[in-house]
Amino acid sequence: MLNRGPICAFSGCKFVAQRVVGDCTDCGQSFCSTHRLLESHSCSALKNIEAKAKAENAAKLINNATKKASKIDRDLEWCMKFIEEKKL
């Protein structure tokens, strides 16, 4: 019988695991082309990765909102100075 290589680690799948692209760096298992994505093989690290990405995105949004708010404050301050100088 011909040895075609390792079998996909996904439960019930009998396809040959893909070299390099089928190796999950998060859980360390090898998968076929159908199950190589984290979502496809229900990777144990998926929830941690999603939580980390959400936290990073939230931090970026807060940082951008803070920058915009400080710019608005500076613009308002400049307008108030302008009005006072021109006595409008």
N, C-alpha and C. Protein backbone atom coordinates (compact mmCIF):
# COMPACT_ATOMS: atom_id res chain seq x y z
N MET A 1 0.84 -1.18 0.00
CA MET A 1 0.00 0.00 0.00
C MET A 1 0.89 1.25 0.00
N LEU A 2 0.51 2.23 -0.77
CA LEU A 2 1.28 3.46 -0.93
C LEU A 2 1.06 4.40 0.24
N ASN A 3 2.14 4.85 0.86
CA ASN A 3 2.05 5.82 1.96
C ASN A 3 2.04 7.22 1.35
N ARG A 4 0.90 7.91 1.47
CA ARG A 4 0.76 9.23 0.85
C ARG A 4 1.09 10.35 1.82
N GLY A 5 1.45 10.06 3.02
CA GLY A 5 1.77 11.10 4.00
C GLY A 5 0.76 11.13 5.12
N PRO A 6 0.89 12.09 6.00
CA PRO A 6 0.00 12.16 7.16
C PRO A 6 -1.44 12.49 6.75
N ILE A 7 -2.36 11.95 7.50
CA ILE A 7 -3.79 12.18 7.27
C ILE A 7 -4.22 13.43 8.04
N CYS A 8 -5.20 14.12 7.52
CA CYS A 8 -5.75 15.31 8.15
C CYS A 8 -6.17 15.00 9.58
N ALA A 9 -5.85 15.91 10.51
CA ALA A 9 -6.15 15.70 11.93
C ALA A 9 -7.61 15.98 12.28
N PHE A 10 -8.38 16.51 11.33
CA PHE A 10 -9.79 16.80 11.60
C PHE A 10 -10.55 15.48 11.75
N SER A 11 -11.38 15.40 12.76
CA SER A 11 -12.11 14.18 13.08
C SER A 11 -12.95 13.69 11.90
N GLY A 12 -12.68 12.48 11.47
CA GLY A 12 -13.45 11.86 10.40
C GLY A 12 -12.94 12.14 9.00
N CYS A 13 -11.99 13.03 8.85
CA CYS A 13 -11.46 13.35 7.52
C CYS A 13 -10.36 12.36 7.15
N LYS A 14 -10.40 11.86 5.92
CA LYS A 14 -9.42 10.88 5.46
C LYS A 14 -8.49 11.43 4.39
N PHE A 15 -8.56 12.73 4.12
CA PHE A 15 -7.68 13.32 3.11
C PHE A 15 -6.27 13.50 3.65
N VAL A 16 -5.32 13.59 2.74
CA VAL A 16 -3.92 13.78 3.12
C VAL A 16 -3.72 15.22 3.57
N ALA A 17 -2.98 15.39 4.66
CA ALA A 17 -2.69 16.74 5.17
C ALA A 17 -1.77 17.47 4.19
N GLN A 18 -1.99 18.75 4.01
CA GLN A 18 -1.18 19.56 3.12
C GLN A 18 0.14 19.91 3.79
N ARG A 19 1.20 19.87 3.04
CA ARG A 19 2.50 20.27 3.58
C ARG A 19 2.54 21.78 3.70
N VAL A 20 3.17 22.27 4.69
CA VAL A 20 3.39 23.69 5.00
C VAL A 20 2.08 24.43 5.25
N VAL A 21 1.22 24.59 4.23
CA VAL A 21 -0.01 25.37 4.41
C VAL A 21 -1.03 24.67 5.29
N GLY A 22 -0.90 23.35 5.46
CA GLY A 22 -1.84 22.60 6.28
C GLY A 22 -1.42 22.51 7.74
N ASP A 23 -0.22 22.98 8.05
CA ASP A 23 0.27 22.94 9.43
C ASP A 23 -0.22 24.16 10.19
N CYS A 24 -1.02 23.92 11.22
CA CYS A 24 -1.55 25.02 12.03
C CYS A 24 -0.49 25.42 13.05
N THR A 25 -0.06 26.66 13.00
CA THR A 25 0.97 27.14 13.92
C THR A 25 0.41 27.36 15.32
N ASP A 26 -0.91 27.39 15.45
CA ASP A 26 -1.52 27.65 16.75
C ASP A 26 -1.74 26.37 17.56
N CYS A 27 -2.26 25.32 16.92
CA CYS A 27 -2.52 24.08 17.66
C CYS A 27 -1.48 23.00 17.34
N GLY A 28 -0.67 23.20 16.28
CA GLY A 28 0.41 22.28 15.96
C GLY A 28 0.00 21.03 15.18
N GLN A 29 -1.24 20.96 14.71
CA GLN A 29 -1.69 19.79 13.97
C GLN A 29 -1.63 20.06 12.47
N SER A 30 -1.72 18.98 11.67
CA SER A 30 -1.68 19.11 10.21
C SER A 30 -3.05 18.79 9.63
N PHE A 31 -3.46 19.61 8.64
CA PHE A 31 -4.80 19.47 8.07
C PHE A 31 -4.76 19.46 6.55
N CYS A 32 -5.83 18.95 5.95
CA CYS A 32 -5.98 18.96 4.50
C CYS A 32 -6.36 20.38 4.05
N SER A 33 -6.50 20.57 2.76
CA SER A 33 -6.82 21.90 2.23
C SER A 33 -8.20 22.38 2.67
N THR A 34 -9.10 21.47 2.96
CA THR A 34 -10.45 21.85 3.40
C THR A 34 -10.45 22.34 4.84
N HIS A 35 -9.63 21.75 5.69
CA HIS A 35 -9.65 22.05 7.12
C HIS A 35 -8.44 22.86 7.61
N ARG A 36 -7.67 23.45 6.70
CA ARG A 36 -6.43 24.14 7.10
C ARG A 36 -6.67 25.46 7.83
N LEU A 37 -7.81 26.11 7.60
CA LEU A 37 -8.10 27.38 8.26
C LEU A 37 -8.55 27.16 9.70
N LEU A 38 -8.24 28.12 10.58
CA LEU A 38 -8.59 28.00 12.00
C LEU A 38 -10.07 27.73 12.19
N GLU A 39 -10.90 28.43 11.44
CA GLU A 39 -12.35 28.28 11.57
C GLU A 39 -12.81 26.91 11.09
N SER A 40 -12.13 26.36 10.10
CA SER A 40 -12.54 25.08 9.52
C SER A 40 -12.27 23.90 10.43
N HIS A 41 -11.21 23.95 11.21
CA HIS A 41 -10.89 22.81 12.08
C HIS A 41 -11.17 23.11 13.56
N SER A 42 -11.93 24.18 13.80
CA SER A 42 -12.31 24.55 15.18
C SER A 42 -11.08 24.57 16.09
N CYS A 43 -10.10 25.33 15.68
CA CYS A 43 -8.82 25.41 16.40
C CYS A 43 -9.04 25.84 17.85
N SER A 44 -8.33 25.20 18.75
CA SER A 44 -8.47 25.51 20.17
C SER A 44 -7.98 26.93 20.48
N ALA A 45 -7.12 27.48 19.65
CA ALA A 45 -6.57 28.82 19.87
C ALA A 45 -7.45 29.92 19.27
N LEU A 46 -8.50 29.54 18.54
CA LEU A 46 -9.31 30.52 17.82
C LEU A 46 -9.94 31.55 18.75
N LYS A 47 -10.50 31.15 19.86
CA LYS A 47 -11.14 32.10 20.78
C LYS A 47 -10.14 33.09 21.34
N ASN A 48 -8.94 32.62 21.68
CA ASN A 48 -7.90 33.51 22.19
C ASN A 48 -7.46 34.51 21.13
N ILE A 49 -7.32 34.05 19.91
CA ILE A 49 -6.91 34.92 18.81
C ILE A 49 -7.98 35.98 18.54
N GLU A 50 -9.25 35.56 18.53
CA GLU A 50 -10.35 36.51 18.31
C GLU A 50 -10.41 37.54 19.44
N ALA A 51 -10.26 37.09 20.68
CA ALA A 51 -10.30 38.01 21.82
C ALA A 51 -9.16 39.02 21.75
N LYS A 52 -7.98 38.55 21.37
CA LYS A 52 -6.82 39.44 21.25
C LYS A 52 -7.05 40.47 20.14
N ALA A 53 -7.58 40.02 19.01
CA ALA A 53 -7.84 40.93 17.89
C ALA A 53 -8.90 41.97 18.26
N LYS A 54 -9.94 41.55 18.97
CA LYS A 54 -10.98 42.49 19.41
C LYS A 54 -10.41 43.53 20.36
N ALA A 55 -9.56 43.09 21.28
CA ALA A 55 -8.94 44.01 22.23
C ALA A 55 -8.04 45.02 21.51
N GLU A 56 -7.26 44.54 20.53
CA GLU A 56 -6.39 45.44 19.77
C GLU A 56 -7.21 46.44 18.96
N ASN A 57 -8.29 45.98 18.35
CA ASN A 57 -9.15 46.88 17.57
C ASN A 57 -9.82 47.91 18.47
N ALA A 58 -10.27 47.49 19.64
CA ALA A 58 -10.89 48.42 20.59
C ALA A 58 -9.89 49.48 21.03
N ALA A 59 -8.65 49.07 21.28
CA ALA A 59 -7.62 50.02 21.68
C ALA A 59 -7.34 51.03 20.57
N LYS A 60 -7.32 50.56 19.32
CA LYS A 60 -7.11 51.46 18.18
C LYS A 60 -8.26 52.46 18.06
N LEU A 61 -9.50 51.97 18.22
CA LEU A 61 -10.66 52.86 18.12
C LEU A 61 -10.63 53.92 19.22
N ILE A 62 -10.30 53.51 20.43
CA ILE A 62 -10.22 54.46 21.54
C ILE A 62 -9.12 55.48 21.30
N ASN A 63 -7.98 55.01 20.80
CA ASN A 63 -6.86 55.90 20.51
C ASN A 63 -7.24 56.92 19.44
N ASN A 64 -7.91 56.46 18.38
CA ASN A 64 -8.34 57.37 17.31
C ASN A 64 -9.37 58.36 17.81
N ALA A 65 -10.31 57.90 18.65
CA ALA A 65 -11.33 58.79 19.20
C ALA A 65 -10.68 59.85 20.09
N THR A 66 -9.68 59.46 20.86
CA THR A 66 -8.97 60.41 21.72
C THR A 66 -8.24 61.45 20.89
N LYS A 67 -7.60 61.01 19.80
CA LYS A 67 -6.89 61.95 18.92
C LYS A 67 -7.87 62.94 18.31
N LYS A 68 -9.02 62.44 17.86
CA LYS A 68 -10.02 63.32 17.25
C LYS A 68 -10.56 64.31 18.27
N ALA A 69 -10.81 63.83 19.48
CA ALA A 69 -11.34 64.70 20.53
C ALA A 69 -10.33 65.78 20.89
N SER A 70 -9.05 65.44 20.97
CA SER A 70 -8.04 66.44 21.31
C SER A 70 -7.89 67.45 20.18
N LYS A 71 -8.04 67.00 18.92
CA LYS A 71 -7.98 67.94 17.80
C LYS A 71 -9.17 68.90 17.84
N ILE A 72 -10.33 68.40 18.18
CA ILE A 72 -11.52 69.25 18.29
C ILE A 72 -11.32 70.27 19.40
N ASP A 73 -10.76 69.83 20.53
CA ASP A 73 -10.48 70.74 21.63
C ASP A 73 -9.50 71.83 21.21
N ARG A 74 -8.45 71.45 20.48
CA ARG A 74 -7.48 72.45 20.00
C ARG A 74 -8.13 73.43 19.04
N ASP A 75 -8.95 72.93 18.14
CA ASP A 75 -9.63 73.81 17.18
C ASP A 75 -10.59 74.76 17.90
N LEU A 76 -11.30 74.26 18.87
CA LEU A 76 -12.22 75.09 19.63
C LEU A 76 -11.46 76.17 20.40
N GLU A 77 -10.35 75.78 20.99
CA GLU A 77 -9.51 76.73 21.72
C GLU A 77 -9.01 77.83 20.78
N TRP A 78 -8.57 77.44 19.59
CA TRP A 78 -8.09 78.41 18.61
C TRP A 78 -9.22 79.36 18.21
N CYS A 79 -10.41 78.83 18.00
CA CYS A 79 -11.56 79.66 17.62
C CYS A 79 -11.89 80.66 18.72
N MET A 80 -11.86 80.23 19.97
CA MET A 80 -12.15 81.12 21.09
C MET A 80 -11.12 82.25 21.18
N LYS A 81 -9.85 81.91 20.98
CA LYS A 81 -8.80 82.94 20.99
C LYS A 81 -9.02 83.92 19.85
N PHE A 82 -9.36 83.41 18.69
CA PHE A 82 -9.60 84.26 17.52
C PHE A 82 -10.75 85.22 17.79
N ILE A 83 -11.82 84.70 18.36
CA ILE A 83 -12.99 85.54 18.67
C ILE A 83 -12.63 86.60 19.68
N GLU A 84 -11.86 86.26 20.71
CA GLU A 84 -11.47 87.23 21.72
C GLU A 84 -10.56 88.31 21.13
N GLU A 85 -9.64 87.90 20.26
CA GLU A 85 -8.74 88.88 19.65
C GLU A 85 -9.47 89.83 18.73
N LYS A 86 -10.43 89.33 18.02
CA LYS A 86 -11.17 90.17 17.07
C LYS A 86 -12.36 90.87 17.72
N LYS A 87 -12.64 90.50 18.97
CA LYS A 87 -13.75 91.09 19.73
C LYS A 87 -15.06 90.95 18.96
N LEU A 88 -15.32 89.75 18.47
CA LEU A 88 -16.54 89.49 17.70
C LEU A 88 -17.72 89.25 18.60
